[in-house]
Amino acid sequence: MDAVKLTQMHFYWGETETTVSQKGIRISNQGRQKFTLVAASPAWTVTIFRDDDRTYVSESLKEYESTGIVNAMVLNKPERTEQYNGLPQKMKIGNTWVNVLRGNREEFANLPLGKIAAPEVERILSTTYRIPTDQGIPLFFTKKQKGIDRMSGLDKTGERRVYLQTSKIENIRVSPSIFTAPSGYRLCKSKQEVVLSKANREASGDFDEIFEAGQNSRKNK
């Protein structure tokens, strides 16, 4: 089937290879976590797995949208559509046309869903990346900061932060199997066990609160 493969850099997740189509999505984290997320039509069940520990966790798309991977203290849940000035401009990257939008503080580009990807793909990307999508596939997003940065305590007003950038867009043919999880892996009780490798969990407990807050919010609903 036809698909689009994106090589991207996310401000929190690091480098990712994301493949999208009308039938599924695959996000392969190439950064420090090294996990993979897949979902496929018609159910669009979201599965996160890792190959080194041979572990996985699955949940419905609706449940995934309510929790994400990390809690909102780490990655805020923004509006899916920002306020931009004027109509989208068209720009060609390689052989692909993309929408470019600019606001008072934001610069954003995306691929229109069109015949490229299903609406469920946009929902999964919005939840995973926690950046605006404007009902498309996000390619880059930058925003001028305003006020005190909560992590550093420094005044970041006027500084432009890059939340997402895309270095490569490829039109490819793929097997539907890339959007499904491998068999024979061990089911885990939490995303934390899968997103962080066993070695990283044992080396540091810094990530515990990041994941547990999301799990607790789900339990309390």
Protein backbone atom coordinates (compact mmCIF):
# COMPACT_ATOMS: atom_id res chain seq x y z
CA MET A 1 0.00 0.00 0.00
CA ASP A 2 1.01 3.63 -0.46
CA ALA A 3 2.44 5.42 2.57
CA VAL A 4 4.47 8.48 3.55
CA LYS A 5 7.56 8.14 5.72
CA LEU A 6 8.76 11.13 7.75
CA THR A 7 12.12 11.57 9.45
CA GLN A 8 11.46 14.00 12.28
CA MET A 9 12.98 15.55 15.40
CA HIS A 10 10.63 16.16 18.34
CA PHE A 11 11.67 18.43 21.20
CA TYR A 12 10.88 15.77 23.81
CA TRP A 13 10.93 12.38 22.07
CA GLY A 14 13.99 13.10 19.94
CA GLU A 15 14.41 11.56 16.49
CA THR A 16 11.52 9.55 15.13
CA GLU A 17 10.67 7.74 11.90
CA THR A 18 6.95 8.00 11.32
CA THR A 19 5.08 6.13 8.58
CA VAL A 20 1.46 7.10 7.86
CA SER A 21 -1.21 5.82 5.48
CA GLN A 22 -4.95 5.42 5.09
CA LYS A 23 -4.69 2.07 6.86
CA GLY A 24 -2.30 2.69 9.73
CA ILE A 25 0.49 4.52 11.51
CA ARG A 26 3.89 3.50 12.83
CA ILE A 27 6.06 5.75 15.02
CA SER A 28 9.55 4.35 15.58
CA ASN A 29 11.43 6.27 18.24
CA GLN A 30 15.11 6.56 17.34
CA GLY A 31 15.95 8.62 20.44
CA ARG A 32 16.77 7.40 23.91
CA GLN A 33 13.51 5.46 24.45
CA LYS A 34 13.65 3.23 21.35
CA PHE A 35 9.97 2.21 21.49
CA THR A 36 7.56 1.72 18.59
CA LEU A 37 3.89 2.71 18.38
CA VAL A 38 1.52 1.13 15.85
CA ALA A 39 -2.19 1.29 15.08
CA ALA A 40 -4.23 0.02 12.14
CA SER A 41 -7.75 0.18 10.75
CA PRO A 42 -10.46 -0.69 11.38
CA ALA A 43 -10.10 -0.85 15.18
CA TRP A 44 -7.20 1.63 15.51
CA THR A 45 -6.11 0.01 18.77
CA VAL A 46 -2.89 1.71 19.85
CA THR A 47 -0.03 -0.66 20.72
CA ILE A 48 3.35 0.42 22.07
CA PHE A 49 6.12 -2.19 22.06
CA ARG A 50 9.86 -2.53 22.30
CA ASP A 51 12.05 -5.20 20.74
CA ASP A 52 14.90 -5.39 23.27
CA ASP A 53 12.67 -6.37 26.22
CA ARG A 54 10.00 -7.96 23.96
CA THR A 55 7.20 -6.14 25.80
CA TYR A 56 4.01 -4.35 24.73
CA VAL A 57 0.93 -2.53 25.99
CA SER A 58 -2.33 -1.87 24.10
CA GLU A 59 -5.38 0.34 24.57
CA SER A 60 -8.23 1.78 22.54
CA LEU A 61 -7.71 5.01 20.63
CA LYS A 62 -10.21 6.76 22.90
CA GLU A 63 -8.32 5.68 25.99
CA TYR A 64 -4.98 6.64 24.45
CA GLU A 65 -6.29 10.12 23.64
CA SER A 66 -7.31 10.63 27.27
CA THR A 67 -3.88 9.75 28.71
CA GLY A 68 -1.17 9.95 26.06
CA ILE A 69 2.21 8.51 26.95
CA VAL A 70 3.35 11.05 29.55
CA ASN A 71 1.37 13.35 31.83
CA ALA A 72 0.36 16.91 31.01
CA MET A 73 2.96 18.35 33.40
CA VAL A 74 5.63 17.16 30.99
CA LEU A 75 3.83 17.65 27.67
CA ASN A 76 0.92 20.08 27.70
CA LYS A 77 -2.20 19.27 25.73
CA PRO A 78 -2.45 22.21 23.29
CA GLU A 79 -5.34 23.11 21.06
CA ARG A 80 -5.17 21.04 17.91
CA THR A 81 -5.60 24.22 15.87
CA GLU A 82 -3.72 27.45 16.66
CA GLN A 83 -4.74 30.94 15.56
CA TYR A 84 -2.88 31.85 12.36
CA ASN A 85 -2.82 34.93 10.16
CA GLY A 86 -4.45 34.53 6.77
CA LEU A 87 -4.92 31.42 4.68
CA PRO A 88 -2.40 28.56 4.46
CA GLN A 89 0.40 29.03 1.95
CA LYS A 90 1.59 26.16 -0.22
CA MET A 91 5.23 25.10 -0.24
CA LYS A 92 6.83 22.14 -1.98
CA ILE A 93 9.29 19.95 -0.08
CA GLY A 94 10.80 17.49 -2.52
CA ASN A 95 7.81 16.20 -4.47
CA THR A 96 5.31 16.91 -1.70
CA TRP A 97 3.09 19.96 -1.26
CA VAL A 98 2.64 21.12 2.34
CA ASN A 99 0.59 23.80 4.10
CA VAL A 100 2.51 26.60 5.82
CA LEU A 101 0.78 28.82 8.40
CA ARG A 102 2.10 31.73 10.45
CA GLY A 103 0.69 33.43 13.51
CA ASN A 104 1.85 36.22 15.79
CA ARG A 105 4.16 33.82 17.65
CA GLU A 106 3.87 30.52 15.75
CA GLU A 107 5.14 29.00 12.54
CA PHE A 108 3.62 25.70 11.49
CA ALA A 109 3.53 23.35 8.52
CA ASN A 110 1.59 20.18 7.83
CA LEU A 111 0.61 17.71 5.17
CA PRO A 112 -3.12 17.78 4.39
CA LEU A 113 -4.64 14.39 5.21
CA GLY A 114 -6.25 14.07 1.79
CA LYS A 115 -5.51 10.64 0.40
CA ILE A 116 -2.33 10.32 2.50
CA ALA A 117 -3.65 9.29 5.90
CA ALA A 118 -6.82 8.53 7.83
CA PRO A 119 -8.26 10.98 10.41
CA GLU A 120 -7.32 8.54 13.17
CA VAL A 121 -3.66 9.05 12.24
CA GLU A 122 -3.96 12.77 13.00
CA ARG A 123 -5.56 11.98 16.36
CA ILE A 124 -2.71 9.67 17.32
CA LEU A 125 -0.03 12.17 16.26
CA SER A 126 -1.75 14.95 18.19
CA THR A 127 -1.84 12.82 21.33
CA THR A 128 1.74 11.56 20.97
CA TYR A 129 3.48 14.77 19.96
CA ARG A 130 1.26 17.18 21.94
CA ILE A 131 1.55 19.91 19.32
CA PRO A 132 -1.08 21.46 17.02
CA THR A 133 -1.89 19.48 13.88
CA ASP A 134 -4.47 21.72 12.18
CA GLN A 135 -6.20 18.52 11.03
CA GLY A 136 -3.17 17.28 9.13
CA ILE A 137 0.19 15.57 9.54
CA PRO A 138 2.47 18.00 11.45
CA LEU A 139 5.84 18.70 9.85
CA PHE A 140 7.23 21.56 11.87
CA PHE A 141 6.11 23.80 14.69
CA THR A 142 7.97 26.67 16.31
CA LYS A 143 6.71 29.21 18.81
CA LYS A 144 8.11 32.32 20.47
CA GLN A 145 8.18 31.85 24.21
CA LYS A 146 6.39 34.12 26.64
CA GLY A 147 7.17 34.46 30.35
CA ILE A 148 9.10 32.23 32.73
CA ASP A 149 10.13 28.74 31.64
CA ARG A 150 8.80 26.36 34.30
CA MET A 151 11.68 23.93 33.93
CA SER A 152 14.62 26.37 34.13
CA GLY A 153 12.98 29.27 35.96
CA LEU A 154 14.43 31.69 33.39
CA ASP A 155 12.58 34.38 31.46
CA LYS A 156 12.36 33.02 27.90
CA THR A 157 10.21 35.81 26.43
CA GLY A 158 10.93 36.28 22.74
CA GLU A 159 13.00 33.11 22.32
CA ARG A 160 11.80 30.81 19.56
CA ARG A 161 11.50 27.15 20.48
CA VAL A 162 11.44 24.40 17.87
CA TYR A 163 8.94 21.74 18.89
CA LEU A 164 9.01 19.65 15.72
CA GLN A 165 11.00 19.65 12.51
CA THR A 166 11.05 17.30 9.52
CA SER A 167 14.23 16.57 7.60
CA LYS A 168 12.86 14.07 5.06
CA ILE A 169 9.57 13.15 3.38
CA GLU A 170 9.39 9.92 1.37
CA ASN A 171 6.57 8.40 -0.64
CA ILE A 172 6.95 4.65 -0.21
CA ARG A 173 5.18 1.32 -0.61
CA VAL A 174 4.76 -0.78 2.52
CA SER A 175 3.22 -4.01 3.71
CA PRO A 176 0.18 -3.63 6.00
CA SER A 177 2.09 -5.73 8.52
CA ILE A 178 4.27 -2.76 9.56
CA PHE A 179 1.23 -1.28 11.30
CA THR A 180 0.73 -4.31 13.54
CA ALA A 181 2.67 -5.36 16.63
CA PRO A 182 4.83 -8.50 16.64
CA SER A 183 3.49 -11.62 18.32
CA GLY A 184 5.01 -13.44 21.26
CA TYR A 185 5.81 -10.32 23.31
CA ARG A 186 4.98 -9.99 27.03
CA LEU A 187 1.97 -7.84 27.93
CA CYS A 188 2.81 -5.15 30.50
CA LYS A 189 0.52 -3.37 32.95
CA SER A 190 1.74 0.15 32.20
CA LYS A 191 3.22 2.25 29.38
CA GLN A 192 6.19 3.03 31.61
CA GLU A 193 7.37 -0.58 31.45
CA VAL A 194 7.37 -0.45 27.67
CA VAL A 195 8.48 3.09 26.80
CA LEU A 196 11.47 2.80 29.13
CA SER A 197 13.70 -0.23 28.75
CA LYS A 198 14.34 -2.42 31.75
CA ALA A 199 17.94 -1.20 31.86
CA ASN A 200 16.88 2.46 31.92
CA ARG A 201 14.23 1.86 34.59
CA GLU A 202 16.76 0.19 36.84
CA ALA A 203 19.32 2.94 36.25
CA SER A 204 17.03 5.84 37.15
CA GLY A 205 13.66 6.42 38.79
CA ASP A 206 13.36 9.94 37.40
CA PHE A 207 10.65 8.92 34.96
CA ASP A 208 8.33 7.27 37.48
CA GLU A 209 6.22 10.34 38.27
CA ILE A 210 5.98 11.29 34.59
CA PHE A 211 4.16 8.09 33.74
CA GLU A 212 2.39 7.39 37.02
CA ALA A 213 0.54 10.70 36.96
CA GLY A 214 -1.00 9.74 33.64
CA GLN A 215 -1.95 6.30 34.92
CA ASN A 216 -3.46 7.71 38.11
CA SER A 217 -5.54 10.22 36.19
CA ARG A 218 -6.96 7.35 34.15
CA LYS A 219 -7.75 5.30 37.27
CA ASN A 220 -9.50 8.24 38.90
CA LYS A 221 -11.89 8.80 36.00
